[in-house]
C-alpha atoms as a PDB file:
ATOM      1  CA  UNK A   1     340.631 174.984-105.833  1.00  0.00           C
ATOM      2  CA  UNK A   2     341.795 178.569-106.138  1.00  0.00           C
ATOM      3  CA  UNK A   3     345.274 176.827-106.572  1.00  0.00           C
ATOM      4  CA  UNK A   4     344.355 175.576-109.735  1.00  0.00           C
ATOM      5  CA  UNK A   5     346.430 177.340-112.485  1.00  0.00           C
ATOM      6  CA  UNK A   6     344.818 179.424-115.405  1.00  0.00           C
ATOM      7  CA  UNK A   7     346.573 179.911-118.548  1.00  0.00           C
ATOM      8  CA  UNK A   8     344.268 181.000-121.312  1.00  0.00           C
ATOM      9  CA  UNK A   9     345.449 180.514-124.865  1.00  0.00           C
ATOM     10  CA  UNK A  10     346.041 183.839-126.452  1.00  0.00           C
ATOM     11  CA  UNK A  11     342.954 184.985-128.344  1.00  0.00           C
ATOM     12  CA  UNK A  12     340.728 182.485-126.683  1.00  0.00           C
ATOM     13  CA  UNK A  13     338.139 183.009-126.084  1.00  0.00           C
ATOM     14  CA  UNK A  14     336.991 184.797-129.202  1.00  0.00           C
ATOM     15  CA  UNK A  15     334.546 187.607-128.312  1.00  0.00           C
ATOM     16  CA  UNK A  16     333.291 186.777-132.435  1.00  0.00           C
ATOM     17  CA  UNK A  17     333.012 183.507-132.307  1.00  0.00           C
ATOM     18  CA  UNK A  18     331.167 183.659-128.833  1.00  0.00           C
ATOM     19  CA  UNK A  19     328.960 186.196-129.766  1.00  0.00           C
ATOM     20  CA  UNK A  20     327.689 184.375-133.215  1.00  0.00           C
ATOM     21  CA  UNK A  21     326.972 181.341-131.035  1.00  0.00           C
ATOM     22  CA  UNK A  22     325.406 183.335-128.560  1.00  0.00           C
ATOM     23  CA  UNK A  23     323.430 184.517-131.923  1.00  0.00           C
ATOM     24  CA  UNK A  24     322.689 180.764-132.918  1.00  0.00           C
ATOM     25  CA  UNK A  25     321.274 179.667-129.873  1.00  0.00           C
ATOM     26  CA  UNK A  26     324.267 178.180-128.531  1.00  0.00           C
ATOM     27  CA  UNK A  27     326.362 178.696-125.367  1.00  0.00           C
ATOM     28  CA  UNK A  28     329.166 181.094-126.214  1.00  0.00           C
ATOM     29  CA  UNK A  29     332.170 179.054-125.077  1.00  0.00           C
ATOM     30  CA  UNK A  30     331.417 176.095-126.786  1.00  0.00           C
ATOM     31  CA  UNK A  31     334.071 174.431-128.615  1.00  0.00           C
ATOM     32  CA  UNK A  32     336.768 176.994-127.554  1.00  0.00           C
ATOM     33  CA  UNK A  33     340.272 175.892-126.844  1.00  0.00           C
ATOM     34  CA  UNK A  34     340.326 176.867-123.037  1.00  0.00           C
ATOM     35  CA  UNK A  35     342.261 174.006-121.729  1.00  0.00           C
ATOM     36  CA  UNK A  36     344.915 172.013-123.663  1.00  0.00           C
ATOM     37  CA  UNK A  37     345.649 168.359-122.308  1.00  0.00           C
ATOM     38  CA  UNK A  38     348.868 169.435-120.915  1.00  0.00           C
ATOM     39  CA  UNK A  39     347.548 172.050-119.109  1.00  0.00           C
ATOM     40  CA  UNK A  40     344.853 169.487-117.807  1.00  0.00           C
ATOM     41  CA  UNK A  41     347.334 167.359-116.328  1.00  0.00           C
ATOM     42  CA  UNK A  42     349.263 170.167-114.876  1.00  0.00           C
ATOM     43  CA  UNK A  43     346.172 171.418-113.085  1.00  0.00           C
ATOM     44  CA  UNK A  44     345.024 167.594-111.820  1.00  0.00           C
ATOM     45  CA  UNK A  45     348.739 167.476-110.281  1.00  0.00           C
ATOM     46  CA  UNK A  46     348.453 170.842-108.350  1.00  0.00           C
ATOM     47  CA  UNK A  47     344.956 169.764-107.261  1.00  0.00           C
ATOM     48  CA  UNK A  48     346.083 166.489-105.832  1.00  0.00           C
ATOM     49  CA  UNK A  49     349.067 168.208-104.012  1.00  0.00           C
ATOM     50  CA  UNK A  50     346.658 170.470-102.424  1.00  0.00           C
ATOM     51  CA  UNK A  51     344.299 167.422-101.417  1.00  0.00           C
ATOM     52  CA  UNK A  52     346.880 165.520 -99.911  1.00  0.00           C
ATOM     53  CA  UNK A  53     347.582 168.005 -97.267  1.00  0.00           C
ATOM     54  CA  UNK A  54     343.645 167.328 -96.344  1.00  0.00           C
ATOM     55  CA  UNK A  55     344.334 163.538 -96.614  1.00  0.00           C
ATOM     56  CA  UNK A  56     341.378 160.833 -96.509  1.00  0.00           C
ATOM     57  CA  UNK A  57     339.961 158.939 -99.281  1.00  0.00           C
ATOM     58  CA  UNK A  58     339.308 161.953-101.727  1.00  0.00           C
ATOM     59  CA  UNK A  59     342.975 162.648-101.728  1.00  0.00           C
ATOM     60  CA  UNK A  60     343.987 159.179-102.370  1.00  0.00           C
ATOM     61  CA  UNK A  61     341.292 159.270-105.488  1.00  0.00           C
ATOM     62  CA  UNK A  62     342.784 162.501-106.702  1.00  0.00           C
ATOM     63  CA  UNK A  63     346.451 161.221-106.416  1.00  0.00           C
ATOM     64  CA  UNK A  64     345.296 158.220-108.198  1.00  0.00           C
ATOM     65  CA  UNK A  65     343.863 160.329-111.035  1.00  0.00           C
ATOM     66  CA  UNK A  66     346.910 162.332-111.260  1.00  0.00           C
ATOM     67  CA  UNK A  67     349.231 159.235-111.343  1.00  0.00           C
ATOM     68  CA  UNK A  68     347.215 157.741-113.987  1.00  0.00           C
ATOM     69  CA  UNK A  69     347.648 161.018-116.045  1.00  0.00           C
ATOM     70  CA  UNK A  70     351.372 161.318-115.038  1.00  0.00           C
ATOM     71  CA  UNK A  71     353.787 158.675-115.754  1.00  0.00           C
ATOM     72  CA  UNK A  72     357.521 158.551-114.300  1.00  0.00           C
ATOM     73  CA  UNK A  73     358.437 160.523-117.237  1.00  0.00           C
ATOM     74  CA  UNK A  74     355.357 163.123-117.762  1.00  0.00           C
ATOM     75  CA  UNK A  75     353.565 160.847-119.876  1.00  0.00           C
ATOM     76  CA  UNK A  76     350.099 159.343-119.440  1.00  0.00           C
ATOM     77  CA  UNK A  77     349.693 155.975-118.206  1.00  0.00           C
ATOM     78  CA  UNK A  78     347.841 155.143-121.429  1.00  0.00           C
ATOM     79  CA  UNK A  79     349.925 155.839-124.583  1.00  0.00           C
ATOM     80  CA  UNK A  80     346.800 156.643-126.379  1.00  0.00           C
ATOM     81  CA  UNK A  81     345.078 158.569-124.560  1.00  0.00           C
ATOM     82  CA  UNK A  82     344.385 161.459-126.146  1.00  0.00           C
ATOM     83  CA  UNK A  83     344.693 164.307-123.270  1.00  0.00           C
ATOM     84  CA  UNK A  84     343.771 167.297-125.265  1.00  0.00           C
ATOM     85  CA  UNK A  85     340.215 164.908-126.115  1.00  0.00           C
ATOM     86  CA  UNK A  86     340.099 164.547-122.145  1.00  0.00           C
ATOM     87  CA  UNK A  87     340.279 167.971-121.701  1.00  0.00           C
ATOM     88  CA  UNK A  88     337.733 168.836-124.344  1.00  0.00           C
ATOM     89  CA  UNK A  89     335.263 166.354-122.804  1.00  0.00           C
ATOM     90  CA  UNK A  90     335.782 167.999-119.212  1.00  0.00           C
ATOM     91  CA  UNK A  91     335.100 171.364-120.781  1.00  0.00           C
ATOM     92  CA  UNK A  92     331.763 170.497-122.080  1.00  0.00           C
ATOM     93  CA  UNK A  93     331.076 168.446-119.243  1.00  0.00           C
ATOM     94  CA  UNK A  94     330.820 165.106-121.346  1.00  0.00           C
ATOM     95  CA  UNK A  95     330.738 162.786-118.364  1.00  0.00           C
ATOM     96  CA  UNK A  96     330.187 159.729-120.591  1.00  0.00           C
ATOM     97  CA  UNK A  97     333.673 160.058-122.593  1.00  0.00           C
ATOM     98  CA  UNK A  98     335.262 160.861-119.373  1.00  0.00           C
ATOM     99  CA  UNK A  99     333.757 157.763-117.805  1.00  0.00           C
ATOM    100  CA  UNK A 100     334.912 155.937-120.439  1.00  0.00           C
ATOM    101  CA  UNK A 101     338.681 157.141-120.176  1.00  0.00           C
ATOM    102  CA  UNK A 102     338.502 156.009-116.781  1.00  0.00           C
ATOM    103  CA  UNK A 103     338.216 152.591-117.849  1.00  0.00           C
ATOM    104  CA  UNK A 104     341.443 152.934-119.825  1.00  0.00           C
ATOM    105  CA  UNK A 105     343.441 154.636-116.998  1.00  0.00           C
ATOM    106  CA  UNK A 106     342.242 151.890-114.654  1.00  0.00           C
ATOM    107  CA  UNK A 107     340.784 154.694-112.095  1.00  0.00           C
ATOM    108  CA  UNK A 108     337.290 155.151-110.377  1.00  0.00           C
ATOM    109  CA  UNK A 109     335.043 156.735-113.049  1.00  0.00           C
ATOM    110  CA  UNK A 110     333.319 159.165-110.366  1.00  0.00           C
ATOM    111  CA  UNK A 111     336.723 159.757-109.118  1.00  0.00           C
ATOM    112  CA  UNK A 112     337.893 160.805-112.901  1.00  0.00           C
ATOM    113  CA  UNK A 113     334.783 163.018-113.381  1.00  0.00           C
ATOM    114  CA  UNK A 114     334.848 164.883-110.112  1.00  0.00           C
ATOM    115  CA  UNK A 115     338.510 165.793-110.933  1.00  0.00           C
ATOM    116  CA  UNK A 116     338.123 167.049-114.144  1.00  0.00           C
ATOM    117  CA  UNK A 117     335.055 168.675-113.287  1.00  0.00           C
ATOM    118  CA  UNK A 118     336.636 170.863-111.272  1.00  0.00           C
ATOM    119  CA  UNK A 119     340.188 170.974-112.863  1.00  0.00           C
ATOM    120  CA  UNK A 120     338.061 172.344-115.806  1.00  0.00           C
ATOM    121  CA  UNK A 121     335.990 175.170-113.690  1.00  0.00           C
ATOM    122  CA  UNK A 122     338.984 177.542-113.594  1.00  0.00           C
ATOM    123  CA  UNK A 123     339.328 178.507-117.112  1.00  0.00           C
ATOM    124  CA  UNK A 124     335.472 178.070-117.409  1.00  0.00           C
ATOM    125  CA  UNK A 125     335.028 180.593-114.995  1.00  0.00           C
ATOM    126  CA  UNK A 126     338.102 182.849-116.715  1.00  0.00           C
ATOM    127  CA  UNK A 127     336.687 182.761-119.953  1.00  0.00           C
ATOM    128  CA  UNK A 128     332.807 183.313-118.687  1.00  0.00           C
ATOM    129  CA  UNK A 129     334.045 186.390-117.497  1.00  0.00           C
ATOM    130  CA  UNK A 130     335.669 187.602-120.584  1.00  0.00           C
ATOM    131  CA  UNK A 131     332.488 186.766-122.533  1.00  0.00           C
ATOM    132  CA  UNK A 132     330.160 187.916-119.538  1.00  0.00           C
ATOM    133  CA  UNK A 133     329.217 191.358-121.136  1.00  0.00           C
ATOM    134  CA  UNK A 134     327.962 189.520-124.588  1.00  0.00           C
ATOM    135  CA  UNK A 135     326.235 187.059-122.579  1.00  0.00           C
ATOM    136  CA  UNK A 136     324.433 189.846-120.486  1.00  0.00           C
ATOM    137  CA  UNK A 137     323.020 191.324-123.850  1.00  0.00           C
ATOM    138  CA  UNK A 138     321.702 188.415-126.054  1.00  0.00           C
ATOM    139  CA  UNK A 139     318.621 186.472-125.972  1.00  0.00           C
ATOM    140  CA  UNK A 140     318.611 183.134-124.091  1.00  0.00           C
ATOM    141  CA  UNK A 141     315.307 181.668-123.029  1.00  0.00           C
ATOM    142  CA  UNK A 142     316.854 178.367-122.187  1.00  0.00           C
ATOM    143  CA  UNK A 143     317.598 177.001-118.490  1.00  0.00           C
ATOM    144  CA  UNK A 144     321.078 175.615-119.497  1.00  0.00           C
ATOM    145  CA  UNK A 145     323.817 178.179-119.147  1.00  0.00           C
ATOM    146  CA  UNK A 146     324.526 180.871-122.006  1.00  0.00           C
ATOM    147  CA  UNK A 147     328.322 180.512-121.277  1.00  0.00           C
ATOM    148  CA  UNK A 148     329.008 177.043-120.803  1.00  0.00           C
ATOM    149  CA  UNK A 149     325.974 175.050-121.375  1.00  0.00           C
ATOM    150  CA  UNK A 150     326.111 173.160-118.312  1.00  0.00           C
ATOM    151  CA  UNK A 151     322.529 172.881-115.860  1.00  0.00           C
ATOM    152  CA  UNK A 152     322.120 175.476-113.228  1.00  0.00           C
ATOM    153  CA  UNK A 153     323.166 174.449-109.693  1.00  0.00           C
ATOM    154  CA  UNK A 154     320.795 177.224-108.019  1.00  0.00           C
ATOM    155  CA  UNK A 155     318.468 180.052-108.629  1.00  0.00           C
ATOM    156  CA  UNK A 156     318.928 183.135-106.834  1.00  0.00           C
ATOM    157  CA  UNK A 157     315.595 185.017-105.683  1.00  0.00           C
ATOM    158  CA  UNK A 158     316.499 188.795-106.039  1.00  0.00           C
ATOM    159  CA  UNK A 159     314.871 191.885-105.687  1.00  0.00           C
ATOM    160  CA  UNK A 160     311.627 193.097-104.322  1.00  0.00           C
ATOM    161  CA  UNK A 161     309.329 191.079-106.814  1.00  0.00           C
ATOM    162  CA  UNK A 162     311.768 187.904-106.120  1.00  0.00           C
ATOM    163  CA  UNK A 163     313.183 187.724-109.811  1.00  0.00           C
ATOM    164  CA  UNK A 164     314.677 184.027-110.259  1.00  0.00           C
ATOM    165  CA  UNK A 165     318.112 184.292-111.890  1.00  0.00           C
ATOM    166  CA  UNK A 166     319.883 180.775-112.159  1.00  0.00           C
ATOM    167  CA  UNK A 167     323.468 180.294-111.566  1.00  0.00           C
ATOM    168  CA  UNK A 168     325.965 178.018-113.372  1.00  0.00           C
ATOM    169  CA  UNK A 169     328.031 176.085-110.851  1.00  0.00           C
ATOM    170  CA  UNK A 170     330.736 175.558-113.439  1.00  0.00           C
ATOM    171  CA  UNK A 171     331.476 178.886-114.389  1.00  0.00           C
ATOM    172  CA  UNK A 172     329.333 181.017-112.344  1.00  0.00           C
ATOM    173  CA  UNK A 173     327.310 182.723-114.888  1.00  0.00           C
ATOM    174  CA  UNK A 174     323.841 184.190-113.903  1.00  0.00           C
ATOM    175  CA  UNK A 175     321.266 184.607-116.249  1.00  0.00           C
ATOM    176  CA  UNK A 176     317.010 185.218-115.790  1.00  0.00           C
ATOM    177  CA  UNK A 177     314.765 182.832-116.238  1.00  0.00           C
ATOM    178  CA  UNK A 178     310.661 183.196-115.452  1.00  0.00           C
ATOM    179  CA  UNK A 179     309.411 182.225-112.411  1.00  0.00           C
ATOM    180  CA  UNK A 180     306.979 180.296-114.287  1.00  0.00           C
ATOM    181  CA  UNK A 181     309.080 177.984-116.377  1.00  0.00           C
ATOM    182  CA  UNK A 182     311.051 174.755-115.703  1.00  0.00           C
ATOM    183  CA  UNK A 183     314.780 175.083-116.407  1.00  0.00           C
ATOM    184  CA  UNK A 184     315.139 171.265-117.256  1.00  0.00           C
ATOM    185  CA  UNK A 185     312.116 170.827-119.666  1.00  0.00           C
ATOM    186  CA  UNK A 186     310.739 174.070-120.249  1.00  0.00           C
ATOM    187  CA  UNK A 187     307.274 173.301-118.859  1.00  0.00           C
ATOM    188  CA  UNK A 188     305.552 176.973-118.779  1.00  0.00           C
ATOM    189  CA  UNK A 189     302.121 175.498-117.364  1.00  0.00           C
ATOM    190  CA  UNK A 190     301.582 176.851-113.973  1.00  0.00           C
ATOM    191  CA  UNK A 191     299.493 173.517-113.125  1.00  0.00           C
ATOM    192  CA  UNK A 192     302.621 171.373-113.514  1.00  0.00           C
ATOM    193  CA  UNK A 193     304.714 173.541-111.723  1.00  0.00           C
ATOM    194  CA  UNK A 194     305.099 174.259-108.049  1.00  0.00           C
ATOM    195  CA  UNK A 195     307.406 174.742-105.037  1.00  0.00           C
ATOM    196  CA  UNK A 196     308.245 173.027-101.567  1.00  0.00           C
ATOM    197  CA  UNK A 197     310.052 174.431 -98.589  1.00  0.00           C
ATOM    198  CA  UNK A 198     310.779 173.725 -94.866  1.00  0.00           C
ATOM    199  CA  UNK A 199     308.433 175.308 -92.096  1.00  0.00           C
ATOM    200  CA  UNK A 200     308.482 179.230 -92.622  1.00  0.00           C
ATOM    201  CA  UNK A 201     311.406 179.238 -95.116  1.00  0.00           C
ATOM    202  CA  UNK A 202     309.190 179.791 -98.315  1.00  0.00           C
ATOM    203  CA  UNK A 203     310.515 183.507 -98.768  1.00  0.00           C
ATOM    204  CA  UNK A 204     314.034 182.486 -98.197  1.00  0.00           C
ATOM    205  CA  UNK A 205     314.611 179.146 -99.288  1.00  0.00           C
ATOM    206  CA  UNK A 206     312.496 176.611-101.442  1.00  0.00           C
ATOM    207  CA  UNK A 207     312.395 174.050-104.265  1.00  0.00           C
ATOM    208  CA  UNK A 208     311.027 174.646-107.290  1.00  0.00           C
ATOM    209  CA  UNK A 209     309.747 171.440-109.004  1.00  0.00           C
ATOM    210  CA  UNK A 210     308.359 170.118-112.131  1.00  0.00           C
ATOM    211  CA  UNK A 211     305.814 167.553-112.557  1.00  0.00           C
ATOM    212  CA  UNK A 212     306.115 167.334-116.269  1.00  0.00           C
ATOM    213  CA  UNK A 213     309.949 166.079-115.887  1.00  0.00           C
ATOM    214  CA  UNK A 214     310.120 165.378-112.217  1.00  0.00           C
ATOM    215  CA  UNK A 215     313.042 167.695-112.127  1.00  0.00           C
ATOM    216  CA  UNK A 216     313.710 170.333-108.816  1.00  0.00           C
ATOM    217  CA  UNK A 217     316.108 173.430-108.774  1.00  0.00           C
ATOM    218  CA  UNK A 218     316.638 174.788-105.178  1.00  0.00           C
ATOM    219  CA  UNK A 219     316.399 178.698-105.133  1.00  0.00           C
ATOM    220  CA  UNK A 220     317.378 181.148-102.143  1.00  0.00           C
ATOM    221  CA  UNK A 221     316.777 184.585-101.526  1.00  0.00           C
ATOM    222  CA  UNK A 222     320.381 186.770-101.737  1.00  0.00           C
ATOM    223  CA  UNK A 223     321.369 190.475-101.028  1.00  0.00           C
ATOM    224  CA  UNK A 224     324.154 190.013-103.223  1.00  0.00           C
ATOM    225  CA  UNK A 225     325.145 187.292-106.194  1.00  0.00           C
ATOM    226  CA  UNK A 226     326.636 184.519-104.738  1.00  0.00           C
ATOM    227  CA  UNK A 227     330.344 184.175-105.396  1.00  0.00           C
ATOM    228  CA  UNK A 228     331.834 180.696-107.044  1.00  0.00           C
ATOM    229  CA  UNK A 229     332.546 179.742-103.542  1.00  0.00           C
ATOM    230  CA  UNK A 230     329.547 180.800-102.130  1.00  0.00           C
ATOM    231  CA  UNK A 231     327.286 178.599-104.871  1.00  0.00           C
ATOM    232  CA  UNK A 232     329.021 175.816-103.606  1.00  0.00           C
ATOM    233  CA  UNK A 233     328.516 176.552 -99.802  1.00  0.00           C
ATOM    234  CA  UNK A 234     324.653 177.113-100.174  1.00  0.00           C
ATOM    235  CA  UNK A 235     324.473 174.110-102.209  1.00  0.00           C
ATOM    236  CA  UNK A 236     325.849 172.280 -98.622  1.00  0.00           C
ATOM    237  CA  UNK A 237     323.801 174.561 -96.588  1.00  0.00           C
ATOM    238  CA  UNK A 238     320.687 173.414 -98.332  1.00  0.00           C
ATOM    239  CA  UNK A 239     320.792 169.755 -98.475  1.00  0.00           C
ATOM    240  CA  UNK A 240     317.706 169.522 -96.240  1.00  0.00           C
ATOM    241  CA  UNK A 241     315.870 171.037 -99.346  1.00  0.00           C
ATOM    242  CA  UNK A 242     317.036 168.237-101.474  1.00  0.00           C
ATOM    243  CA  UNK A 243     315.734 165.672 -99.053  1.00  0.00           C
ATOM    244  CA  UNK A 244     312.417 167.323 -99.281  1.00  0.00           C
ATOM    245  CA  UNK A 245     312.497 167.199-102.944  1.00  0.00           C
ATOM    246  CA  UNK A 246     314.095 163.613-103.474  1.00  0.00           C
ATOM    247  CA  UNK A 247     311.918 162.023-100.880  1.00  0.00           C
ATOM    248  CA  UNK A 248     308.658 163.304-103.249  1.00  0.00           C
ATOM    249  CA  UNK A 249     310.318 161.603-106.107  1.00  0.00           C
ATOM    250  CA  UNK A 250     312.039 164.697-108.076  1.00  0.00           C
ATOM    251  CA  UNK A 251     315.711 164.455-109.017  1.00  0.00           C
ATOM    252  CA  UNK A 252     318.068 167.050-110.347  1.00  0.00           C
END
């Protein structure tokens, strides 16, 4: 999705506001107007054009969403739909609001969630890069992303000690998190935490699991920080770990 245009408004994100949010325990980018409704519509059109070349069901779903957001004269299919609010929901990962909008647009709700997720990732990544220094120095003990608030997609094992660094799949931010701790619920009792892995893979790939909330997180050893595209590729490459965790009753 590198073709999705990124046009952040002037002065956005606000460094001062981002610092204040982090100081108050709020993700740095929450509430920042990173994407207008018009820019969202344009991004979806670009994405739909890219997917059309590949063809198939996914391309058809993207095309239906683009058609719903862009009428013959450039307007929304629903005259009462607030595209700015839809963009805000996509940035915040408020998928319930997005699913409700899908009913009004007469498109598949999961297709709309997927399209908005990817349409908002580029501005989130760009903005996260601009507040990276603030995020790196802010005290943040949560398992959610300090930049955009999303849950981690993966964990990275780094260094000789195998320190765990969480990675956001939406904005690609990296932040440290204790090895003995559940990013989902905060559980710190080692008796309720564990790990699963394939035969002989424990030092390279594993699933950290929590018996308090039954969540799991895949963790992979890296030499260098994964790129945004590398995060997605690694998530797909470790689907066997998902199967191991799901078969034992854990969920993401």
